[in-house]
Amino acid sequence: MQHNNRKAYWRANLRLVAGCLAIWFLCSYGCGILFVEQLNTIRIGGFKLGFWFAQQGSIYVFVALIFFYAWRMNRIDKQFDVHEE
């Protein structure tokens, strides 16, 4: 891989990681701690939404982000021709 392609590949990887971390932060810290009072006015399945995010929602989002990261990273690998065959 050429030097410019390595930089572009690394930049795409870091952008993806930063985006996933931002979403995870907003769901776990934002919804579970910062905005818990506002979210607690909404109920899902009998539980307050802020409580749900703090207990389970952030875990579901984290697992979804793992699958999204793997899928997106495979596409980036193919784009830069560094994928496994």
PDB file of N, CA and C in Angstrom:
ATOM      1  N   MET A   1       0.849  -1.173   0.000  1.00  0.00           N
ATOM      2  CA  MET A   1       0.000   0.000   0.000  1.00  0.00           C
ATOM      3  C   MET A   1       0.895   1.237   0.000  1.00  0.00           C
ATOM      4  N   GLN A   2       0.556   2.193  -0.816  1.00  0.00           N
ATOM      5  CA  GLN A   2       1.345   3.417  -0.900  1.00  0.00           C
ATOM      6  C   GLN A   2       1.145   4.271   0.343  1.00  0.00           C
ATOM      7  N   HIS A   3       2.099   5.197   0.540  1.00  0.00           N
ATOM      8  CA  HIS A   3       2.080   6.041   1.730  1.00  0.00           C
ATOM      9  C   HIS A   3       0.790   6.864   1.827  1.00  0.00           C
ATOM     10  N   ASN A   4       0.346   7.449   0.718  1.00  0.00           N
ATOM     11  CA  ASN A   4      -0.895   8.247   0.736  1.00  0.00           C
ATOM     12  C   ASN A   4      -2.104   7.378   1.036  1.00  0.00           C
ATOM     13  N   ASN A   5      -2.104   6.158   0.490  1.00  0.00           N
ATOM     14  CA  ASN A   5      -3.216   5.249   0.775  1.00  0.00           C
ATOM     15  C   ASN A   5      -3.227   4.835   2.242  1.00  0.00           C
ATOM     16  N   ARG A   6      -2.043   4.646   2.824  1.00  0.00           N
ATOM     17  CA  ARG A   6      -1.983   4.295   4.251  1.00  0.00           C
ATOM     18  C   ARG A   6      -2.583   5.400   5.106  1.00  0.00           C
ATOM     19  N   LYS A   7      -2.243   6.640   4.780  1.00  0.00           N
ATOM     20  CA  LYS A   7      -2.793   7.775   5.539  1.00  0.00           C
ATOM     21  C   LYS A   7      -4.306   7.866   5.376  1.00  0.00           C
ATOM     22  N   ALA A   8      -4.792   7.684   4.166  1.00  0.00           N
ATOM     23  CA  ALA A   8      -6.233   7.747   3.913  1.00  0.00           C
ATOM     24  C   ALA A   8      -6.950   6.598   4.618  1.00  0.00           C
ATOM     25  N   TYR A   9      -6.348   5.416   4.595  1.00  0.00           N
ATOM     26  CA  TYR A   9      -6.931   4.258   5.279  1.00  0.00           C
ATOM     27  C   TYR A   9      -7.001   4.509   6.787  1.00  0.00           C
ATOM     28  N   TRP A  10      -5.919   5.004   7.354  1.00  0.00           N
ATOM     29  CA  TRP A  10      -5.878   5.277   8.785  1.00  0.00           C
ATOM     30  C   TRP A  10      -6.867   6.371   9.161  1.00  0.00           C
ATOM     31  N   ARG A  11      -6.981   7.400   8.311  1.00  0.00           N
ATOM     32  CA  ARG A  11      -7.932   8.492   8.554  1.00  0.00           C
ATOM     33  C   ARG A  11      -9.359   7.959   8.551  1.00  0.00           C
ATOM     34  N   ALA A  12      -9.673   7.080   7.587  1.00  0.00           N
ATOM     35  CA  ALA A  12     -11.023   6.497   7.530  1.00  0.00           C
ATOM     36  C   ALA A  12     -11.289   5.640   8.761  1.00  0.00           C
ATOM     37  N   ASN A  13     -10.291   4.897   9.193  1.00  0.00           N
ATOM     38  CA  ASN A  13     -10.434   4.060  10.389  1.00  0.00           C
ATOM     39  C   ASN A  13     -10.664   4.929  11.625  1.00  0.00           C
ATOM     40  N   LEU A  14      -9.872   5.964  11.791  1.00  0.00           N
ATOM     41  CA  LEU A  14     -10.038   6.847  12.956  1.00  0.00           C
ATOM     42  C   LEU A  14     -11.367   7.580  12.940  1.00  0.00           C
ATOM     43  N   ARG A  15     -11.827   7.972  11.761  1.00  0.00           N
ATOM     44  CA  ARG A  15     -13.124   8.653  11.656  1.00  0.00           C
ATOM     45  C   ARG A  15     -14.244   7.705  12.086  1.00  0.00           C
ATOM     46  N   LEU A  16     -14.143   6.449  11.667  1.00  0.00           N
ATOM     47  CA  LEU A  16     -15.146   5.456  12.050  1.00  0.00           C
ATOM     48  C   LEU A  16     -15.127   5.207  13.559  1.00  0.00           C
ATOM     49  N   VAL A  17     -13.941   5.055  14.129  1.00  0.00           N
ATOM     50  CA  VAL A  17     -13.821   4.825  15.575  1.00  0.00           C
ATOM     51  C   VAL A  17     -14.364   6.022  16.346  1.00  0.00           C
ATOM     52  N   ALA A  18     -14.016   7.239  15.910  1.00  0.00           N
ATOM     53  CA  ALA A  18     -14.489   8.448  16.593  1.00  0.00           C
ATOM     54  C   ALA A  18     -16.013   8.545  16.544  1.00  0.00           C
ATOM     55  N   GLY A  19     -16.595   8.228  15.402  1.00  0.00           N
ATOM     56  CA  GLY A  19     -18.061   8.254  15.279  1.00  0.00           C
ATOM     57  C   GLY A  19     -18.730   7.237  16.189  1.00  0.00           C
ATOM     58  N   CYS A  20     -18.176   6.023  16.223  1.00  0.00           N
ATOM     59  CA  CYS A  20     -18.742   4.990  17.097  1.00  0.00           C
ATOM     60  C   CYS A  20     -18.612   5.375  18.568  1.00  0.00           C
ATOM     61  N   LEU A  21     -17.463   5.926  18.944  1.00  0.00           N
ATOM     62  CA  LEU A  21     -17.279   6.348  20.336  1.00  0.00           C
ATOM     63  C   LEU A  21     -18.206   7.497  20.711  1.00  0.00           C
ATOM     64  N   ALA A  22     -18.447   8.413  19.779  1.00  0.00           N
ATOM     65  CA  ALA A  22     -19.359   9.527  20.055  1.00  0.00           C
ATOM     66  C   ALA A  22     -20.781   9.014  20.289  1.00  0.00           C
ATOM     67  N   ILE A  23     -21.223   8.087  19.457  1.00  0.00           N
ATOM     68  CA  ILE A  23     -22.567   7.513  19.627  1.00  0.00           C
ATOM     69  C   ILE A  23     -22.655   6.760  20.947  1.00  0.00           C
ATOM     70  N   TRP A  24     -21.633   5.971  21.252  1.00  0.00           N
ATOM     71  CA  TRP A  24     -21.622   5.216  22.501  1.00  0.00           C
ATOM     72  C   TRP A  24     -21.638   6.153  23.706  1.00  0.00           C
ATOM     73  N   PHE A  25     -20.856   7.242  23.643  1.00  0.00           N
ATOM     74  CA  PHE A  25     -20.821   8.214  24.734  1.00  0.00           C
ATOM     75  C   PHE A  25     -22.195   8.853  24.930  1.00  0.00           C
ATOM     76  N   LEU A  26     -22.814   9.267  23.833  1.00  0.00           N
ATOM     77  CA  LEU A  26     -24.132   9.904  23.946  1.00  0.00           C
ATOM     78  C   LEU A  26     -25.170   8.959  24.544  1.00  0.00           C
ATOM     79  N   CYS A  27     -25.118   7.700  24.142  1.00  0.00           N
ATOM     80  CA  CYS A  27     -26.106   6.746  24.666  1.00  0.00           C
ATOM     81  C   CYS A  27     -25.822   6.355  26.109  1.00  0.00           C
ATOM     82  N   SER A  28     -24.572   6.068  26.428  1.00  0.00           N
ATOM     83  CA  SER A  28     -24.286   5.588  27.785  1.00  0.00           C
ATOM     84  C   SER A  28     -24.210   6.727  28.794  1.00  0.00           C
ATOM     85  N   TYR A  29     -23.442   7.744  28.498  1.00  0.00           N
ATOM     86  CA  TYR A  29     -23.272   8.838  29.461  1.00  0.00           C
ATOM     87  C   TYR A  29     -24.399   9.858  29.338  1.00  0.00           C
ATOM     88  N   GLY A  30     -24.728  10.222  28.095  1.00  0.00           N
ATOM     89  CA  GLY A  30     -25.766  11.233  27.887  1.00  0.00           C
ATOM     90  C   GLY A  30     -27.138  10.765  28.312  1.00  0.00           C
ATOM     91  N   CYS A  31     -27.581   9.636  27.741  1.00  0.00           N
ATOM     92  CA  CYS A  31     -28.931   9.142  28.046  1.00  0.00           C
ATOM     93  C   CYS A  31     -29.012   8.492  29.423  1.00  0.00           C
ATOM     94  N   GLY A  32     -27.921   7.903  29.889  1.00  0.00           N
ATOM     95  CA  GLY A  32     -27.956   7.206  31.173  1.00  0.00           C
ATOM     96  C   GLY A  32     -27.703   8.095  32.372  1.00  0.00           C
ATOM     97  N   ILE A  33     -27.044   9.263  32.158  1.00  0.00           N
ATOM     98  CA  ILE A  33     -26.689  10.118  33.293  1.00  0.00           C
ATOM     99  C   ILE A  33     -27.153  11.565  33.097  1.00  0.00           C
ATOM    100  N   LEU A  34     -26.735  12.197  32.003  1.00  0.00           N
ATOM    101  CA  LEU A  34     -27.015  13.624  31.818  1.00  0.00           C
ATOM    102  C   LEU A  34     -28.487  13.933  31.565  1.00  0.00           C
ATOM    103  N   PHE A  35     -29.115  13.174  30.696  1.00  0.00           N
ATOM    104  CA  PHE A  35     -30.501  13.455  30.299  1.00  0.00           C
ATOM    105  C   PHE A  35     -31.499  12.498  30.934  1.00  0.00           C
ATOM    106  N   VAL A  36     -31.103  11.865  32.035  1.00  0.00           N
ATOM    107  CA  VAL A  36     -31.948  10.841  32.644  1.00  0.00           C
ATOM    108  C   VAL A  36     -33.283  11.408  33.131  1.00  0.00           C
ATOM    109  N   GLU A  37     -33.293  12.593  33.686  1.00  0.00           N
ATOM    110  CA  GLU A  37     -34.547  13.167  34.198  1.00  0.00           C
ATOM    111  C   GLU A  37     -35.538  13.442  33.069  1.00  0.00           C
ATOM    112  N   GLN A  38     -35.049  13.985  31.964  1.00  0.00           N
ATOM    113  CA  GLN A  38     -35.934  14.255  30.824  1.00  0.00           C
ATOM    114  C   GLN A  38     -36.429  12.951  30.209  1.00  0.00           C
ATOM    115  N   LEU A  39     -35.547  11.958  30.112  1.00  0.00           N
ATOM    116  CA  LEU A  39     -35.940  10.684  29.511  1.00  0.00           C
ATOM    117  C   LEU A  39     -36.862   9.876  30.420  1.00  0.00           C
ATOM    118  N   ASN A  40     -36.800  10.105  31.715  1.00  0.00           N
ATOM    119  CA  ASN A  40     -37.652   9.362  32.644  1.00  0.00           C
ATOM    120  C   ASN A  40     -39.123   9.724  32.520  1.00  0.00           C
ATOM    121  N   THR A  41     -39.440  10.785  31.797  1.00  0.00           N
ATOM    122  CA  THR A  41     -40.845  11.133  31.568  1.00  0.00           C
ATOM    123  C   THR A  41     -41.472  10.208  30.522  1.00  0.00           C
ATOM    124  N   ILE A  42     -40.639   9.474  29.794  1.00  0.00           N
ATOM    125  CA  ILE A  42     -41.112   8.531  28.775  1.00  0.00           C
ATOM    126  C   ILE A  42     -40.976   7.115  29.337  1.00  0.00           C
ATOM    127  N   ARG A  43     -41.980   6.291  29.097  1.00  0.00           N
ATOM    128  CA  ARG A  43     -41.944   4.910  29.596  1.00  0.00           C
ATOM    129  C   ARG A  43     -41.945   3.925  28.430  1.00  0.00           C
ATOM    130  N   ILE A  44     -41.133   2.877  28.585  1.00  0.00           N
ATOM    131  CA  ILE A  44     -41.089   1.776  27.617  1.00  0.00           C
ATOM    132  C   ILE A  44     -41.257   0.481  28.400  1.00  0.00           C
ATOM    133  N   GLY A  45     -42.305  -0.250  28.106  1.00  0.00           N
ATOM    134  CA  GLY A  45     -42.563  -1.514  28.787  1.00  0.00           C
ATOM    135  C   GLY A  45     -42.715  -1.362  30.293  1.00  0.00           C
ATOM    136  N   GLY A  46     -43.213  -0.229  30.733  1.00  0.00           N
ATOM    137  CA  GLY A  46     -43.411   0.003  32.157  1.00  0.00           C
ATOM    138  C   GLY A  46     -42.209   0.579  32.880  1.00  0.00           C
ATOM    139  N   PHE A  47     -41.091   0.725  32.168  1.00  0.00           N
ATOM    140  CA  PHE A  47     -39.873   1.271  32.791  1.00  0.00           C
ATOM    141  C   PHE A  47     -39.591   2.657  32.245  1.00  0.00           C
ATOM    142  N   LYS A  48     -39.036   3.497  33.093  1.00  0.00           N
ATOM    143  CA  LYS A  48     -38.660   4.830  32.650  1.00  0.00           C
ATOM    144  C   LYS A  48     -37.503   4.725  31.662  1.00  0.00           C
ATOM    145  N   LEU A  49     -37.550   5.542  30.602  1.00  0.00           N
ATOM    146  CA  LEU A  49     -36.571   5.452  29.516  1.00  0.00           C
ATOM    147  C   LEU A  49     -35.148   5.748  29.998  1.00  0.00           C
ATOM    148  N   GLY A  50     -34.970   6.703  30.894  1.00  0.00           N
ATOM    149  CA  GLY A  50     -33.637   6.997  31.430  1.00  0.00           C
ATOM    150  C   GLY A  50     -33.066   5.809  32.183  1.00  0.00           C
ATOM    151  N   PHE A  51     -33.887   5.177  32.986  1.00  0.00           N
ATOM    152  CA  PHE A  51     -33.466   3.972  33.707  1.00  0.00           C
ATOM    153  C   PHE A  51     -33.123   2.860  32.729  1.00  0.00           C
ATOM    154  N   TRP A  52     -33.948   2.693  31.689  1.00  0.00           N
ATOM    155  CA  TRP A  52     -33.715   1.651  30.699  1.00  0.00           C
ATOM    156  C   TRP A  52     -32.378   1.846  29.995  1.00  0.00           C
ATOM    157  N   PHE A  53     -32.072   3.098  29.601  1.00  0.00           N
ATOM    158  CA  PHE A  53     -30.786   3.366  28.946  1.00  0.00           C
ATOM    159  C   PHE A  53     -29.628   3.083  29.893  1.00  0.00           C
ATOM    160  N   ALA A  54     -29.774   3.451  31.142  1.00  0.00           N
ATOM    161  CA  ALA A  54     -28.695   3.235  32.101  1.00  0.00           C
ATOM    162  C   ALA A  54     -28.465   1.752  32.348  1.00  0.00           C
ATOM    163  N   GLN A  55     -29.516   0.947  32.327  1.00  0.00           N
ATOM    164  CA  GLN A  55     -29.395  -0.468  32.662  1.00  0.00           C
ATOM    165  C   GLN A  55     -29.172  -1.361  31.449  1.00  0.00           C
ATOM    166  N   GLN A  56     -29.891  -1.113  30.345  1.00  0.00           N
ATOM    167  CA  GLN A  56     -29.821  -2.028  29.213  1.00  0.00           C
ATOM    168  C   GLN A  56     -29.606  -1.344  27.876  1.00  0.00           C
ATOM    169  N   GLY A  57     -30.143  -0.187  27.697  1.00  0.00           N
ATOM    170  CA  GLY A  57     -30.099   0.471  26.392  1.00  0.00           C
ATOM    171  C   GLY A  57     -28.699   0.727  25.895  1.00  0.00           C
ATOM    172  N   SER A  58     -27.826   1.183  26.764  1.00  0.00           N
ATOM    173  CA  SER A  58     -26.460   1.467  26.334  1.00  0.00           C
ATOM    174  C   SER A  58     -25.728   0.180  25.957  1.00  0.00           C
ATOM    175  N   ILE A  59     -26.066  -0.931  26.586  1.00  0.00           N
ATOM    176  CA  ILE A  59     -25.455  -2.219  26.236  1.00  0.00           C
ATOM    177  C   ILE A  59     -25.918  -2.647  24.847  1.00  0.00           C
ATOM    178  N   TYR A  60     -27.213  -2.506  24.554  1.00  0.00           N
ATOM    179  CA  TYR A  60     -27.721  -2.842  23.226  1.00  0.00           C
ATOM    180  C   TYR A  60     -27.069  -1.981  22.151  1.00  0.00           C
ATOM    181  N   VAL A  61     -26.919  -0.702  22.437  1.00  0.00           N
ATOM    182  CA  VAL A  61     -26.278   0.202  21.481  1.00  0.00           C
ATOM    183  C   VAL A  61     -24.825  -0.211  21.275  1.00  0.00           C
ATOM    184  N   PHE A  62     -24.134  -0.573  22.339  1.00  0.00           N
ATOM    185  CA  PHE A  62     -22.739  -0.991  22.230  1.00  0.00           C
ATOM    186  C   PHE A  62     -22.612  -2.242  21.360  1.00  0.00           C
ATOM    187  N   VAL A  63     -23.467  -3.225  21.559  1.00  0.00           N
ATOM    188  CA  VAL A  63     -23.418  -4.449  20.750  1.00  0.00           C
ATOM    189  C   VAL A  63     -23.728  -4.125  19.285  1.00  0.00           C
ATOM    190  N   ALA A  64     -24.711  -3.266  19.042  1.00  0.00           N
ATOM    191  CA  ALA A  64     -25.027  -2.855  17.668  1.00  0.00           C
ATOM    192  C   ALA A  64     -23.835  -2.135  17.033  1.00  0.00           C
ATOM    193  N   LEU A  65     -23.136  -1.318  17.813  1.00  0.00           N
ATOM    194  CA  LEU A  65     -21.963  -0.613  17.289  1.00  0.00           C
ATOM    195  C   LEU A  65     -20.835  -1.576  16.932  1.00  0.00           C
ATOM    196  N   ILE A  66     -20.700  -2.663  17.669  1.00  0.00           N
ATOM    197  CA  ILE A  66     -19.683  -3.670  17.333  1.00  0.00           C
ATOM    198  C   ILE A  66     -19.966  -4.254  15.955  1.00  0.00           C
ATOM    199  N   PHE A  67     -21.214  -4.643  15.705  1.00  0.00           N
ATOM    200  CA  PHE A  67     -21.566  -5.196  14.400  1.00  0.00           C
ATOM    201  C   PHE A  67     -21.425  -4.151  13.300  1.00  0.00           C
ATOM    202  N   PHE A  68     -21.842  -2.917  13.576  1.00  0.00           N
ATOM    203  CA  PHE A  68     -21.702  -1.841  12.591  1.00  0.00           C
ATOM    204  C   PHE A  68     -20.232  -1.596  12.270  1.00  0.00           C
ATOM    205  N   TYR A  69     -19.382  -1.559  13.286  1.00  0.00           N
ATOM    206  CA  TYR A  69     -17.957  -1.325  13.075  1.00  0.00           C
ATOM    207  C   TYR A  69     -17.345  -2.428  12.205  1.00  0.00           C
ATOM    208  N   ALA A  70     -17.668  -3.680  12.489  1.00  0.00           N
ATOM    209  CA  ALA A  70     -17.132  -4.797  11.706  1.00  0.00           C
ATOM    210  C   ALA A  70     -17.591  -4.708  10.252  1.00  0.00           C
ATOM    211  N   TRP A  71     -18.869  -4.423  10.033  1.00  0.00           N
ATOM    212  CA  TRP A  71     -19.402  -4.298   8.680  1.00  0.00           C
ATOM    213  C   TRP A  71     -18.747  -3.152   7.930  1.00  0.00           C
ATOM    214  N   ARG A  72     -18.665  -1.990   8.581  1.00  0.00           N
ATOM    215  CA  ARG A  72     -18.093  -0.800   7.934  1.00  0.00           C
ATOM    216  C   ARG A  72     -16.593  -0.963   7.699  1.00  0.00           C
ATOM    217  N   MET A  73     -15.894  -1.579   8.641  1.00  0.00           N
ATOM    218  CA  MET A  73     -14.450  -1.773   8.489  1.00  0.00           C
ATOM    219  C   MET A  73     -14.160  -2.725   7.340  1.00  0.00           C
ATOM    220  N   ASN A  74     -14.986  -3.741   7.132  1.00  0.00           N
ATOM    221  CA  ASN A  74     -14.827  -4.623   5.976  1.00  0.00           C
ATOM    222  C   ASN A  74     -14.966  -3.854   4.674  1.00  0.00           C
ATOM    223  N   ARG A  75     -15.907  -2.926   4.621  1.00  0.00           N
ATOM    224  CA  ARG A  75     -16.070  -2.099   3.419  1.00  0.00           C
ATOM    225  C   ARG A  75     -14.870  -1.193   3.208  1.00  0.00           C
ATOM    226  N   ILE A  76     -14.342  -0.621   4.286  1.00  0.00           N
ATOM    227  CA  ILE A  76     -13.160   0.232   4.177  1.00  0.00           C
ATOM    228  C   ILE A  76     -11.954  -0.591   3.728  1.00  0.00           C
ATOM    229  N   ASP A  77     -11.815  -1.796   4.263  1.00  0.00           N
ATOM    230  CA  ASP A  77     -10.720  -2.680   3.857  1.00  0.00           C
ATOM    231  C   ASP A  77     -10.779  -2.977   2.363  1.00  0.00           C
ATOM    232  N   LYS A  78     -11.972  -3.267   1.851  1.00  0.00           N
ATOM    233  CA  LYS A  78     -12.123  -3.531   0.422  1.00  0.00           C
ATOM    234  C   LYS A  78     -11.836  -2.293  -0.404  1.00  0.00           C
ATOM    235  N   GLN A  79     -12.268  -1.143   0.090  1.00  0.00           N
ATOM    236  CA  GLN A  79     -12.037   0.111  -0.625  1.00  0.00           C
ATOM    237  C   GLN A  79     -10.538   0.379  -0.795  1.00  0.00           C
ATOM    238  N   PHE A  80      -9.750   0.073   0.215  1.00  0.00           N
ATOM    239  CA  PHE A  80      -8.307   0.317   0.169  1.00  0.00           C
ATOM    240  C   PHE A  80      -7.509  -0.932  -0.200  1.00  0.00           C
ATOM    241  N   ASP A  81      -8.214  -1.985  -0.612  1.00  0.00           N
ATOM    242  CA  ASP A  81      -7.610  -3.233  -1.071  1.00  0.00           C
ATOM    243  C   ASP A  81      -6.657  -3.851  -0.031  1.00  0.00           C
ATOM    244  N   VAL A  82      -7.115  -3.911   1.195  1.00  0.00           N
ATOM    245  CA  VAL A  82      -6.360  -4.574   2.265  1.00  0.00           C
ATOM    246  C   VAL A  82      -7.207  -5.665   2.936  1.00  0.00           C
ATOM    247  N   HIS A  83      -8.266  -6.087   2.251  1.00  0.00           N
ATOM    248  CA  HIS A  83      -9.169  -7.079   2.838  1.00  0.00           C
ATOM    249  C   HIS A  83      -8.575  -8.475   2.737  1.00  0.00           C
ATOM    250  N   GLU A  84      -9.082  -9.337   3.610  1.00  0.00           N
ATOM    251  CA  GLU A  84      -8.662 -10.730   3.607  1.00  0.00           C
ATOM    252  C   GLU A  84      -9.559 -11.503   2.655  1.00  0.00           C
ATOM    253  N   GLU A  85      -8.995 -12.502   2.051  1.00  0.00           N
ATOM    254  CA  GLU A  85      -9.796 -13.295   1.111  1.00  0.00           C
ATOM    255  C   GLU A  85      -9.960 -14.694   1.591  1.00  0.00           C
TER     256      GLU A  85
END
